[in-house]
Amino acid sequence: MKRFWLACAVLALFVWSSPAPSPACTGIRLTSGDGAVFYGRTMEWGTFDLNSRVTVIPRGTALTALTPDGKGGRAWKARYGVVGLDMCGKLTLADGLNEKGLAVGMFYHPGFAQYAAFKDSARGRTLSPLDVAGYILTNYASVEEVRRRFPDLNVVDVLEPAIGAGVPGHWMVTDTSGASIVLECTGGKVVVHDAPLGVITNAPNYDWHMTNLRTYVNLSPFGLPDKKIGDLDLAPLGAGSGMIGLPGDNTPPSRFIRAVAWTQTARKTATADETVYEVFRIMDNFNLPLGPGAAEGHAGAQAQAGLMRSSTIWTAAWDLTNLKLYYHTQNNRRVRLFDIKAMDLGSGGIRHYPLDKVKAQDYEDVTPR
């Protein structure tokens, strides 16, 4: 018995100290009273700064997918202009919105993404996981179009040098109708899941998360009533008693339940401008610190050297209806706006813009002088 408990302790220490990252991103959808559809997400990665930039891809841009042999897969020209948030200084979009109001977010899916085997004969319809978001955004205008056409393509694993492995992913796609789907690679094929609640986290597969919701049917935005037991009158200690049982840890299943709870009980907002506040209020519930105690995994060398301040590198709110990107970062909590309608999406080549001009929080000094 002593040996058993010793083995458990060693295993726990190994898991706690493992340097393997397991990011913990969360995505949601909200709709304002005037019909504006929003997609919001956090980007967690505790190992190193992804150095994301705002990337503009104009219509007509020639693009080629990555393949394991380095010779390139599907080649295409962008049908629609796109604004996205990239990763690691590459044309790899974690998030984005095209000029038709279609949004896509890539989310980590470790242990469950099962990609197709690479075949030279299928090169012309082959994408890597790193190409999926960009391909969808540059080619499709609606969720229904993605549902019909994207599953005909092969998604194959490709080594990402920054992490020394492939990137297991799944994707949520949302359009201006308010519809959302989740794309997952299972058994080598692209599987489409309806996402009626517009929520996504990470592993396991999406249908499991939807089934797990049944465990929490007791949750309510309304407080519990007083209860009389004998001569005792018992009342809840404060507001929020209807949410007793809401899981509070950082695992993907628990974050999924919280994201559903907060979006389904969100404050009703009349306008798109007001909904921006609500998106960030909800997403701020999912900010994660650095360190092995949070769900994102090991704090890497950059974090230990003081080059990172949070595992939540940035948080974005995309207004699909009015074509706007709002965001804040680990370095500066001020919300900034990138107006996509003001961009030239028909020419000019691919452009990049930093999320932070200065990696520091700006303050307003309100001290009376």
Protein backbone atom coordinates (compact mmCIF):
# COMPACT_ATOMS: atom_id res chain seq x y z
CA MET A 1 0.00 0.00 0.00
CA LYS A 2 2.86 2.39 0.84
CA ARG A 3 4.40 1.68 -2.56
CA PHE A 4 1.06 2.43 -4.23
CA TRP A 5 0.76 5.85 -2.58
CA LEU A 6 4.41 6.62 -3.28
CA ALA A 7 3.84 5.83 -6.97
CA CYS A 8 0.78 8.11 -7.01
CA ALA A 9 2.81 10.93 -5.45
CA VAL A 10 5.58 10.55 -8.02
CA LEU A 11 3.05 10.52 -10.86
CA ALA A 12 1.36 13.64 -9.50
CA LEU A 13 4.70 15.42 -9.24
CA PHE A 14 5.54 14.46 -12.82
CA VAL A 15 2.22 15.75 -14.15
CA TRP A 16 2.50 18.96 -12.12
CA SER A 17 6.00 19.71 -13.40
CA SER A 18 5.58 18.54 -17.00
CA PRO A 19 6.63 21.18 -19.55
CA ALA A 20 4.02 20.09 -22.10
CA PRO A 21 1.65 23.00 -22.77
CA SER A 22 -2.11 22.48 -22.74
CA PRO A 23 -3.74 25.81 -23.61
CA ALA A 24 -7.12 26.78 -22.26
CA CYS A 25 -8.88 29.05 -24.72
CA THR A 26 -12.61 29.79 -24.44
CA GLY A 27 -14.97 31.11 -27.12
CA ILE A 28 -18.51 32.51 -26.95
CA ARG A 29 -21.22 34.11 -29.11
CA LEU A 30 -23.59 36.95 -28.16
CA THR A 31 -26.25 38.88 -30.10
CA SER A 32 -27.33 42.45 -29.37
CA GLY A 33 -30.88 43.75 -29.41
CA ASP A 34 -30.29 45.44 -32.76
CA GLY A 35 -29.18 42.13 -34.29
CA ALA A 36 -25.39 42.51 -34.20
CA VAL A 37 -23.65 39.14 -33.76
CA PHE A 38 -20.45 38.94 -31.71
CA TYR A 39 -17.86 36.21 -31.39
CA GLY A 40 -15.44 36.55 -28.46
CA ARG A 41 -12.51 34.47 -27.27
CA THR A 42 -9.51 34.36 -24.99
CA MET A 43 -6.12 33.19 -26.24
CA GLU A 44 -4.23 31.26 -23.57
CA TRP A 45 -0.69 30.00 -24.03
CA GLY A 46 1.62 29.91 -21.01
CA THR A 47 4.80 28.61 -22.62
CA PHE A 48 5.88 31.60 -24.73
CA ASP A 49 4.43 34.75 -26.23
CA LEU A 50 2.73 33.98 -29.53
CA ASN A 51 3.53 37.56 -30.65
CA SER A 52 0.19 37.79 -32.44
CA ARG A 53 -0.40 40.59 -34.93
CA VAL A 54 -3.43 41.93 -36.75
CA THR A 55 -3.02 40.51 -40.25
CA VAL A 56 -4.84 41.79 -43.35
CA ILE A 57 -5.22 39.42 -46.31
CA PRO A 58 -6.68 41.18 -49.40
CA ARG A 59 -8.89 39.55 -52.02
CA GLY A 60 -6.88 37.82 -54.72
CA THR A 61 -3.94 36.89 -52.48
CA ALA A 62 -2.30 33.64 -53.66
CA LEU A 63 -2.00 31.08 -50.86
CA THR A 64 -0.70 27.51 -50.56
CA ALA A 65 -1.36 25.03 -47.75
CA LEU A 66 1.42 23.36 -45.78
CA THR A 67 2.13 19.62 -46.12
CA PRO A 68 4.39 17.20 -44.22
CA ASP A 69 6.74 16.86 -47.20
CA GLY A 70 7.14 20.63 -47.57
CA LYS A 71 6.00 20.65 -51.20
CA GLY A 72 2.70 22.37 -50.56
CA GLY A 73 -0.90 21.23 -50.69
CA ARG A 74 -4.04 22.98 -51.91
CA ALA A 75 -3.36 26.26 -53.70
CA TRP A 76 -5.98 29.01 -54.00
CA LYS A 77 -6.59 32.72 -54.33
CA ALA A 78 -8.48 34.59 -51.63
CA ARG A 79 -12.07 35.13 -52.70
CA TYR A 80 -12.76 37.42 -49.73
CA GLY A 81 -10.65 39.90 -47.80
CA VAL A 82 -9.80 38.91 -44.24
CA VAL A 83 -8.60 40.48 -41.01
CA GLY A 84 -7.16 37.98 -38.53
CA LEU A 85 -4.95 37.52 -35.50
CA ASP A 86 -1.88 35.46 -36.36
CA MET A 87 0.62 33.44 -34.33
CA CYS A 88 4.41 33.20 -34.15
CA GLY A 89 5.04 35.73 -36.91
CA LYS A 90 3.52 33.41 -39.53
CA LEU A 91 0.45 33.46 -41.73
CA THR A 92 -1.28 31.14 -39.25
CA LEU A 93 -4.58 32.61 -38.11
CA ALA A 94 -5.87 31.78 -34.66
CA ASP A 95 -8.90 34.01 -35.20
CA GLY A 96 -10.36 36.06 -37.98
CA LEU A 97 -13.29 37.71 -39.73
CA ASN A 98 -13.88 38.15 -43.45
CA GLU A 99 -15.66 40.93 -45.29
CA LYS A 100 -18.87 38.83 -45.46
CA GLY A 101 -19.10 38.64 -41.68
CA LEU A 102 -17.90 35.04 -41.30
CA ALA A 103 -15.73 34.45 -38.21
CA VAL A 104 -13.50 31.49 -37.39
CA GLY A 105 -11.55 30.62 -34.24
CA MET A 106 -8.98 27.83 -33.84
CA PHE A 107 -8.92 26.12 -30.44
CA TYR A 108 -6.45 23.57 -29.09
CA HIS A 109 -7.83 20.00 -29.07
CA PRO A 110 -5.08 17.78 -27.62
CA GLY A 111 -5.59 14.03 -27.52
CA PHE A 112 -8.69 14.06 -29.72
CA ALA A 113 -7.77 15.54 -33.11
CA GLN A 114 -7.36 12.65 -35.56
CA TYR A 115 -6.13 13.97 -38.89
CA ALA A 116 -6.12 12.26 -42.27
CA ALA A 117 -3.02 10.45 -43.52
CA PHE A 118 -1.13 12.49 -46.08
CA LYS A 119 -1.39 11.14 -49.62
CA ASP A 120 0.41 12.64 -52.58
CA SER A 121 -2.57 11.78 -54.79
CA ALA A 122 -4.78 14.03 -52.61
CA ARG A 123 -2.33 16.95 -52.45
CA GLY A 124 -4.72 19.27 -54.30
CA ARG A 125 -7.36 19.01 -51.54
CA THR A 126 -5.01 18.87 -48.56
CA LEU A 127 -4.69 21.48 -45.80
CA SER A 128 -2.76 21.52 -42.55
CA PRO A 129 -4.45 22.51 -39.26
CA LEU A 130 -2.53 25.78 -39.46
CA ASP A 131 -4.25 26.61 -42.78
CA VAL A 132 -7.85 25.83 -41.81
CA ALA A 133 -8.95 29.19 -40.39
CA GLY A 134 -7.35 31.16 -43.21
CA TYR A 135 -8.76 28.84 -45.86
CA ILE A 136 -12.31 29.08 -44.53
CA LEU A 137 -12.16 32.86 -44.18
CA THR A 138 -10.77 33.47 -47.67
CA ASN A 139 -13.20 31.08 -49.39
CA TYR A 140 -16.59 30.98 -47.66
CA ALA A 141 -19.31 33.52 -46.85
CA SER A 142 -21.60 31.59 -44.49
CA VAL A 143 -21.79 28.75 -42.00
CA GLU A 144 -23.96 26.74 -44.40
CA GLU A 145 -21.36 27.06 -47.14
CA VAL A 146 -18.66 25.77 -44.77
CA ARG A 147 -20.93 22.91 -43.67
CA ARG A 148 -21.52 21.80 -47.28
CA ARG A 149 -18.10 22.22 -48.78
CA PHE A 150 -15.30 22.04 -46.21
CA PRO A 151 -15.70 18.34 -45.20
CA ASP A 152 -14.59 17.33 -48.73
CA LEU A 153 -11.04 18.47 -47.88
CA ASN A 154 -8.32 16.52 -46.06
CA VAL A 155 -6.68 18.00 -42.97
CA VAL A 156 -3.26 16.41 -42.32
CA ASP A 157 -0.84 16.96 -39.45
CA VAL A 158 2.24 19.11 -40.01
CA LEU A 159 5.13 19.73 -37.62
CA GLU A 160 5.14 23.19 -36.02
CA PRO A 161 8.79 23.98 -35.14
CA ALA A 162 7.81 26.40 -32.37
CA ILE A 163 6.46 23.52 -30.26
CA GLY A 164 8.27 20.60 -31.90
CA ALA A 165 5.02 18.78 -32.72
CA GLY A 166 1.84 19.00 -34.71
CA VAL A 167 -0.98 21.27 -33.63
CA PRO A 168 -4.19 19.47 -32.59
CA GLY A 169 -7.08 21.82 -33.28
CA HIS A 170 -10.79 22.22 -33.71
CA TRP A 171 -12.63 25.29 -34.97
CA MET A 172 -15.81 27.27 -34.28
CA VAL A 173 -17.36 29.05 -37.26
CA THR A 174 -20.02 31.78 -36.84
CA ASP A 175 -21.79 34.07 -39.29
CA THR A 176 -24.07 37.11 -39.23
CA SER A 177 -27.21 34.95 -39.02
CA GLY A 178 -26.09 33.93 -35.52
CA ALA A 179 -25.48 30.31 -36.56
CA SER A 180 -22.39 28.47 -35.29
CA ILE A 181 -20.81 25.11 -36.04
CA VAL A 182 -17.74 23.33 -34.71
CA LEU A 183 -15.37 21.45 -37.05
CA GLU A 184 -13.40 18.52 -35.66
CA CYS A 185 -11.16 15.91 -37.24
CA THR A 186 -12.21 12.45 -36.09
CA GLY A 187 -11.02 9.21 -37.64
CA GLY A 188 -9.27 11.19 -40.37
CA LYS A 189 -12.46 12.92 -41.52
CA VAL A 190 -13.86 16.41 -40.91
CA VAL A 191 -16.94 16.15 -38.67
CA VAL A 192 -19.40 19.05 -38.38
CA HIS A 193 -21.16 19.63 -35.05
CA ASP A 194 -24.00 22.10 -34.62
CA ALA A 195 -23.15 24.63 -31.90
CA PRO A 196 -26.54 26.15 -31.04
CA LEU A 197 -25.21 27.77 -27.84
CA GLY A 198 -22.18 29.32 -29.57
CA VAL A 199 -19.66 28.13 -26.96
CA ILE A 200 -16.36 26.25 -27.36
CA THR A 201 -13.38 25.29 -25.19
CA ASN A 202 -10.94 22.43 -25.73
CA ALA A 203 -10.95 18.63 -25.27
CA PRO A 204 -12.80 16.31 -25.39
CA ASN A 205 -14.95 16.18 -28.52
CA TYR A 206 -17.76 18.69 -28.91
CA ASP A 207 -20.63 16.22 -28.67
CA TRP A 208 -19.30 15.10 -25.27
CA HIS A 209 -19.44 18.69 -23.99
CA MET A 210 -23.04 19.01 -25.16
CA THR A 211 -23.99 15.77 -23.41
CA ASN A 212 -22.21 16.89 -20.23
CA LEU A 213 -24.53 19.93 -20.07
CA ARG A 214 -27.22 17.58 -18.78
CA THR A 215 -25.30 17.24 -15.53
CA TYR A 216 -25.98 20.92 -14.80
CA VAL A 217 -29.68 21.31 -15.59
CA ASN A 218 -30.20 22.53 -12.00
CA LEU A 219 -28.30 25.78 -12.62
CA SER A 220 -30.45 28.91 -12.65
CA PRO A 221 -29.96 32.69 -12.68
CA PHE A 222 -32.56 32.88 -9.91
CA GLY A 223 -31.66 32.51 -6.25
CA LEU A 224 -32.90 29.56 -4.22
CA PRO A 225 -35.96 30.14 -2.02
CA ASP A 226 -35.81 30.18 1.76
CA LYS A 227 -36.26 26.78 3.36
CA LYS A 228 -37.92 25.94 6.66
CA ILE A 229 -36.60 22.94 8.63
CA GLY A 230 -38.50 22.46 11.84
CA ASP A 231 -38.33 25.74 13.70
CA LEU A 232 -35.42 26.99 11.59
CA ASP A 233 -35.87 29.45 8.74
CA LEU A 234 -32.88 29.05 6.39
CA ALA A 235 -32.18 31.60 3.72
CA PRO A 236 -29.38 31.70 1.13
CA LEU A 237 -26.33 33.63 2.33
CA GLY A 238 -26.41 36.00 -0.62
CA ALA A 239 -27.03 36.45 -4.32
CA GLY A 240 -25.99 33.73 -6.75
CA SER A 241 -27.42 30.70 -4.96
CA GLY A 242 -29.05 29.55 -8.19
CA MET A 243 -25.56 28.88 -9.56
CA ILE A 244 -24.54 26.55 -6.72
CA GLY A 245 -22.77 23.62 -8.39
CA LEU A 246 -21.24 25.69 -11.18
CA PRO A 247 -17.73 24.23 -11.65
CA GLY A 248 -14.95 26.69 -10.92
CA ASP A 249 -11.78 24.95 -12.10
CA ASN A 250 -9.93 25.69 -15.33
CA THR A 251 -10.47 22.38 -17.14
CA PRO A 252 -12.14 22.56 -20.57
CA PRO A 253 -15.37 20.81 -19.41
CA SER A 254 -15.76 23.22 -16.50
CA ARG A 255 -15.02 26.29 -18.62
CA PHE A 256 -17.56 25.07 -21.18
CA ILE A 257 -20.27 24.90 -18.51
CA ARG A 258 -19.36 28.35 -17.17
CA ALA A 259 -19.34 29.84 -20.67
CA VAL A 260 -22.82 28.46 -21.31
CA ALA A 261 -24.04 29.72 -17.92
CA TRP A 262 -22.68 33.24 -18.40
CA THR A 263 -23.82 33.64 -22.01
CA GLN A 264 -27.30 32.28 -21.31
CA THR A 265 -27.73 34.66 -18.38
CA ALA A 266 -25.98 37.62 -20.00
CA ARG A 267 -27.34 41.12 -19.61
CA LYS A 268 -29.64 42.07 -22.47
CA THR A 269 -27.93 44.72 -24.58
CA ALA A 270 -29.76 46.96 -27.03
CA THR A 271 -26.88 47.88 -29.34
CA ALA A 272 -23.65 46.55 -30.72
CA ASP A 273 -21.66 49.21 -28.86
CA GLU A 274 -23.17 48.10 -25.55
CA THR A 275 -22.60 44.41 -26.32
CA VAL A 276 -18.85 44.99 -26.48
CA TYR A 277 -18.94 45.58 -22.70
CA GLU A 278 -20.81 42.33 -22.12
CA VAL A 279 -18.46 40.24 -24.27
CA PHE A 280 -15.42 41.44 -22.33
CA ARG A 281 -17.19 41.09 -18.97
CA ILE A 282 -17.86 37.43 -19.72
CA MET A 283 -14.47 36.70 -21.25
CA ASP A 284 -12.66 38.23 -18.26
CA ASN A 285 -14.03 35.32 -16.21
CA PHE A 286 -11.61 33.08 -18.10
CA ASN A 287 -8.33 34.94 -17.61
CA LEU A 288 -5.61 32.58 -16.40
CA PRO A 289 -2.35 33.25 -14.54
CA LEU A 290 1.04 31.88 -15.46
CA GLY A 291 2.27 28.70 -13.84
CA PRO A 292 1.55 24.98 -13.60
CA GLY A 293 -1.42 25.56 -11.31
CA ALA A 294 -3.51 26.93 -14.18
CA ALA A 295 -4.99 24.80 -16.92
CA GLU A 296 -2.74 26.13 -19.65
CA GLY A 297 0.29 24.18 -18.39
CA HIS A 298 3.94 24.96 -17.84
CA ALA A 299 5.23 28.54 -17.64
CA GLY A 300 7.98 28.65 -20.24
CA ALA A 301 11.34 30.38 -20.30
CA GLN A 302 9.89 33.64 -21.59
CA ALA A 303 7.39 33.74 -18.76
CA GLN A 304 10.07 32.96 -16.18
CA ALA A 305 12.25 35.73 -17.61
CA GLY A 306 9.47 38.24 -17.06
CA LEU A 307 8.63 38.61 -20.76
CA MET A 308 5.05 37.49 -20.17
CA ARG A 309 2.50 38.77 -17.67
CA SER A 310 -0.33 36.27 -18.13
CA SER A 311 -1.30 33.05 -19.83
CA THR A 312 -4.20 34.96 -21.37
CA ILE A 313 -2.17 36.64 -24.08
CA TRP A 314 -5.08 38.50 -25.67
CA THR A 315 -8.87 38.67 -25.63
CA ALA A 316 -10.85 39.55 -28.74
CA ALA A 317 -14.44 40.56 -29.48
CA TRP A 318 -15.40 40.43 -33.16
CA ASP A 319 -18.50 42.33 -34.33
CA LEU A 320 -19.53 40.22 -37.32
CA THR A 321 -22.36 42.53 -38.35
CA ASN A 322 -20.44 45.82 -38.32
CA LEU A 323 -17.05 44.28 -39.22
CA LYS A 324 -15.07 45.47 -36.21
CA LEU A 325 -12.39 43.91 -34.02
CA TYR A 326 -12.07 44.94 -30.37
CA TYR A 327 -9.25 43.53 -28.23
CA HIS A 328 -7.04 43.93 -25.18
CA THR A 329 -3.80 42.16 -24.32
CA GLN A 330 -1.73 40.87 -21.43
CA ASN A 331 0.31 44.07 -21.70
CA ASN A 332 -2.45 46.66 -21.93
CA ARG A 333 -6.04 46.24 -20.77
CA ARG A 334 -7.27 49.24 -22.73
CA VAL A 335 -9.77 48.02 -25.35
CA ARG A 336 -8.66 48.92 -28.85
CA LEU A 337 -10.69 49.00 -32.08
CA PHE A 338 -9.71 47.85 -35.57
CA ASP A 339 -12.39 48.93 -38.07
CA ILE A 340 -12.33 46.39 -40.89
CA LYS A 341 -14.61 48.47 -43.13
CA ALA A 342 -11.94 51.16 -43.18
CA MET A 343 -9.34 48.76 -44.61
CA ASP A 344 -8.55 48.29 -48.28
CA LEU A 345 -9.30 44.59 -48.72
CA GLY A 346 -8.89 44.62 -52.49
CA SER A 347 -5.22 45.42 -52.89
CA GLY A 348 -1.98 46.20 -51.12
CA GLY A 349 -0.72 42.73 -50.30
CA ILE A 350 -0.66 41.05 -46.90
CA ARG A 351 -0.08 43.55 -44.07
CA HIS A 352 0.66 43.13 -40.36
CA TYR A 353 0.00 45.48 -37.45
CA PRO A 354 1.18 45.00 -33.83
CA LEU A 355 -1.41 44.44 -31.13
CA ASP A 356 0.62 46.58 -28.72
CA LYS A 357 2.52 49.62 -29.98
CA VAL A 358 4.11 49.71 -26.53
CA LYS A 359 3.99 46.65 -24.28
CA ALA A 360 2.88 48.58 -21.22
CA GLN A 361 -0.38 49.64 -19.61
CA ASP A 362 -1.27 53.29 -20.11
CA TYR A 363 -2.80 55.08 -17.12
CA GLU A 364 -4.89 58.16 -16.69
CA ASP A 365 -3.70 60.12 -13.69
CA VAL A 366 -6.88 61.49 -12.07
CA THR A 367 -5.20 62.82 -8.93
CA PRO A 368 -6.45 66.35 -8.16
CA ARG A 369 -3.58 68.81 -8.57
